[in-house]
Every structure is written in C-alpha cells, then in structure tokens.
Amino acid sequence: RLEEGRYSTATAARLGQYFASDENAKDVVDTARMLILNSNINYENIAFLEPSCGDGRLINEILRTNDRSTTPKVILGCDIDPSAVEKAQSNLQGTGVIIT
C-alpha cells in the first residue's frame, strides 16, 4: 500500500516495492515474538537484517514494544531505493538501528 505523496507508483512498480501497512507490520512482529517466546532461542546474540526495509515500518514495530526478551541487539535495515533509506533513517533516528 502506498501512502499519498510518499513514493511514486512508477518507482514502486520499477523496484518491485511493497510497503507494509502498520497492521501488517504488527501482525508479522507479533507472530515472530510468539515463535521466539515458544522456542529455546537465546535472542541476546542475534542480529536482525531487514533487506528491504522501505520506510522502516517493520523495524519500528519491533522497537515499539521495547520487549528486551525478543528484541535483537543489532538491527540492520537496507533498501535499494535511496528515498526509502532516507525515510527509514529519519523514522528510526536515535534508535541505534543501522540503515543503509
């Protein structure tokens, strides 16, 4: 779903982009948290890579609850679209998340 004025439809089509809704990001993170809590994963030494981070919505949802038992120590977001990288860097400024 593209929000009005955020990204052009032509750019999204050319790059094969899909921007998750807030609701979709929450569902994905809630499911991941449930799987982590029901497993024997030691999350303290895990890094999270979001290879198509867009505006950082999924990463922001991970950080939103500040649940240390399921939040990775290192979070890295990447995107091929420089305008999406700028938006993610702005949205996640001060969080310690690395966006490239």
C-alpha atoms as a PDB file:
ATOM      1  CA  ARG A   1       0.000   0.000   0.000  1.00  0.00           C
ATOM      2  CA  LEU A   2       1.407   3.368  -0.951  1.00  0.00           C
ATOM      3  CA  GLU A   3       0.519   6.424   1.053  1.00  0.00           C
ATOM      4  CA  GLU A   4      -0.316   9.539  -0.931  1.00  0.00           C
ATOM      5  CA  GLY A   5       2.804  11.561  -1.669  1.00  0.00           C
ATOM      6  CA  ARG A   6       5.262   9.130  -0.095  1.00  0.00           C
ATOM      7  CA  TYR A   7       6.526   7.207  -3.078  1.00  0.00           C
ATOM      8  CA  SER A   8       5.545   7.232  -6.709  1.00  0.00           C
ATOM      9  CA  THR A   9       3.645   4.275  -8.065  1.00  0.00           C
ATOM     10  CA  ALA A  10       6.035   4.175 -11.035  1.00  0.00           C
ATOM     11  CA  THR A  11       9.081   3.866  -8.751  1.00  0.00           C
ATOM     12  CA  ALA A  12       7.370   1.200  -6.658  1.00  0.00           C
ATOM     13  CA  ALA A  13       6.496  -0.815  -9.765  1.00  0.00           C
ATOM     14  CA  ARG A  14      10.004  -0.445 -11.218  1.00  0.00           C
ATOM     15  CA  LEU A  15      11.682  -1.562  -7.988  1.00  0.00           C
ATOM     16  CA  GLY A  16       9.088  -4.200  -7.096  1.00  0.00           C
ATOM     17  CA  GLN A  17       8.311  -2.409  -3.846  1.00  0.00           C
ATOM     18  CA  TYR A  18       5.502  -3.187  -1.460  1.00  0.00           C
ATOM     19  CA  PHE A  19       5.098  -1.022   1.624  1.00  0.00           C
ATOM     20  CA  ALA A  20       3.539  -2.884   4.516  1.00  0.00           C
ATOM     21  CA  SER A  21       0.697  -1.302   6.414  1.00  0.00           C
ATOM     22  CA  ASP A  22       1.054  -0.657  10.146  1.00  0.00           C
ATOM     23  CA  GLU A  23      -1.380  -3.512  10.766  1.00  0.00           C
ATOM     24  CA  ASN A  24       0.632  -5.923   8.600  1.00  0.00           C
ATOM     25  CA  ALA A  25       3.884  -4.965  10.348  1.00  0.00           C
ATOM     26  CA  LYS A  26       2.265  -5.530  13.749  1.00  0.00           C
ATOM     27  CA  ASP A  27       0.954  -8.962  12.701  1.00  0.00           C
ATOM     28  CA  VAL A  28       4.386 -10.045  11.422  1.00  0.00           C
ATOM     29  CA  VAL A  29       6.177  -8.889  14.577  1.00  0.00           C
ATOM     30  CA  ASP A  30       3.549 -10.387  16.909  1.00  0.00           C
ATOM     31  CA  THR A  31       3.900 -13.741  15.142  1.00  0.00           C
ATOM     32  CA  ALA A  32       7.707 -13.620  15.318  1.00  0.00           C
ATOM     33  CA  ARG A  33       7.605 -12.728  19.016  1.00  0.00           C
ATOM     34  CA  MET A  34       5.279 -15.650  19.718  1.00  0.00           C
ATOM     35  CA  LEU A  35       7.619 -18.049  17.899  1.00  0.00           C
ATOM     36  CA  ILE A  36      10.640 -16.710  19.796  1.00  0.00           C
ATOM     37  CA  LEU A  37       8.953 -16.937  23.193  1.00  0.00           C
ATOM     38  CA  ASN A  38       7.856 -20.519  22.473  1.00  0.00           C
ATOM     39  CA  SER A  39      11.347 -21.633  21.454  1.00  0.00           C
ATOM     40  CA  ASN A  40      14.715 -22.020  23.122  1.00  0.00           C
ATOM     41  CA  ILE A  41      16.305 -19.193  21.125  1.00  0.00           C
ATOM     42  CA  ASN A  42      18.734 -17.015  23.074  1.00  0.00           C
ATOM     43  CA  TYR A  43      17.959 -13.699  21.461  1.00  0.00           C
ATOM     44  CA  GLU A  44      20.783 -11.780  23.153  1.00  0.00           C
ATOM     45  CA  ASN A  45      23.312 -12.728  20.471  1.00  0.00           C
ATOM     46  CA  ILE A  46      21.054 -12.490  17.422  1.00  0.00           C
ATOM     47  CA  ALA A  47      21.168  -9.796  14.743  1.00  0.00           C
ATOM     48  CA  PHE A  48      18.126  -8.893  12.625  1.00  0.00           C
ATOM     49  CA  LEU A  49      18.503  -7.946   8.958  1.00  0.00           C
ATOM     50  CA  GLU A  50      15.619  -6.344   7.060  1.00  0.00           C
ATOM     51  CA  PRO A  51      16.860  -6.458   3.436  1.00  0.00           C
ATOM     52  CA  SER A  52      14.004  -4.369   2.070  1.00  0.00           C
ATOM     53  CA  CYS A  53      13.269  -2.023   4.940  1.00  0.00           C
ATOM     54  CA  GLY A  54      11.404   0.673   2.995  1.00  0.00           C
ATOM     55  CA  ASP A  55      10.475   3.419   5.450  1.00  0.00           C
ATOM     56  CA  GLY A  56      11.433   1.262   8.461  1.00  0.00           C
ATOM     57  CA  ARG A  57       7.902   0.351   9.447  1.00  0.00           C
ATOM     58  CA  LEU A  58       8.666  -3.282  10.372  1.00  0.00           C
ATOM     59  CA  ILE A  59      11.773  -2.286  12.334  1.00  0.00           C
ATOM     60  CA  ASN A  60       9.831   0.443  14.109  1.00  0.00           C
ATOM     61  CA  GLU A  61       7.222  -2.128  15.162  1.00  0.00           C
ATOM     62  CA  ILE A  62       9.997  -4.363  16.564  1.00  0.00           C
ATOM     63  CA  LEU A  63      11.255  -1.459  18.666  1.00  0.00           C
ATOM     64  CA  ARG A  64       7.826  -0.123  19.639  1.00  0.00           C
ATOM     65  CA  THR A  65       7.168  -2.549  22.496  1.00  0.00           C
ATOM     66  CA  ASN A  66      10.747  -2.378  23.806  1.00  0.00           C
ATOM     67  CA  ASP A  67      10.492  -6.060  24.793  1.00  0.00           C
ATOM     68  CA  ARG A  68      14.113  -6.967  25.586  1.00  0.00           C
ATOM     69  CA  SER A  69      13.338 -10.708  25.625  1.00  0.00           C
ATOM     70  CA  THR A  70      12.549 -10.717  21.893  1.00  0.00           C
ATOM     71  CA  THR A  71      14.359  -7.628  20.523  1.00  0.00           C
ATOM     72  CA  PRO A  72      17.662  -8.323  18.758  1.00  0.00           C
ATOM     73  CA  LYS A  73      20.760  -6.493  19.975  1.00  0.00           C
ATOM     74  CA  VAL A  74      21.724  -5.496  16.437  1.00  0.00           C
ATOM     75  CA  ILE A  75      19.189  -4.394  13.814  1.00  0.00           C
ATOM     76  CA  LEU A  76      20.226  -3.544  10.260  1.00  0.00           C
ATOM     77  CA  GLY A  77      17.890  -2.282   7.553  1.00  0.00           C
ATOM     78  CA  CYS A  78      18.760  -1.987   3.856  1.00  0.00           C
ATOM     79  CA  ASP A  79      16.911  -0.824   0.757  1.00  0.00           C
ATOM     80  CA  ILE A  80      17.761  -0.260  -2.912  1.00  0.00           C
ATOM     81  CA  ASP A  81      15.700   2.927  -3.033  1.00  0.00           C
ATOM     82  CA  PRO A  82      17.682   5.921  -1.711  1.00  0.00           C
ATOM     83  CA  SER A  83      14.485   7.837  -0.871  1.00  0.00           C
ATOM     84  CA  ALA A  84      13.260   4.895   1.237  1.00  0.00           C
ATOM     85  CA  VAL A  85      16.636   4.755   3.023  1.00  0.00           C
ATOM     86  CA  GLU A  86      16.361   8.471   3.843  1.00  0.00           C
ATOM     87  CA  LYS A  87      12.827   7.995   5.173  1.00  0.00           C
ATOM     88  CA  ALA A  88      13.862   4.989   7.296  1.00  0.00           C
ATOM     89  CA  GLN A  89      16.878   6.874   8.674  1.00  0.00           C
ATOM     90  CA  SER A  90      14.595   9.763   9.620  1.00  0.00           C
ATOM     91  CA  ASN A  91      11.924   7.490  11.144  1.00  0.00           C
ATOM     92  CA  LEU A  92      14.463   5.494  13.170  1.00  0.00           C
ATOM     93  CA  GLN A  93      16.818   8.303  14.160  1.00  0.00           C
ATOM     94  CA  GLY A  94      18.239   7.857  17.647  1.00  0.00           C
ATOM     95  CA  THR A  95      17.274   4.178  17.942  1.00  0.00           C
ATOM     96  CA  GLY A  96      20.717   2.701  17.223  1.00  0.00           C
ATOM     97  CA  VAL A  97      19.365   0.902  14.154  1.00  0.00           C
ATOM     98  CA  ILE A  98      21.739   0.909  11.171  1.00  0.00           C
ATOM     99  CA  ILE A  99      20.065   1.803   7.866  1.00  0.00           C
ATOM    100  CA  THR A 100      21.947   1.630   4.547  1.00  0.00           C
END
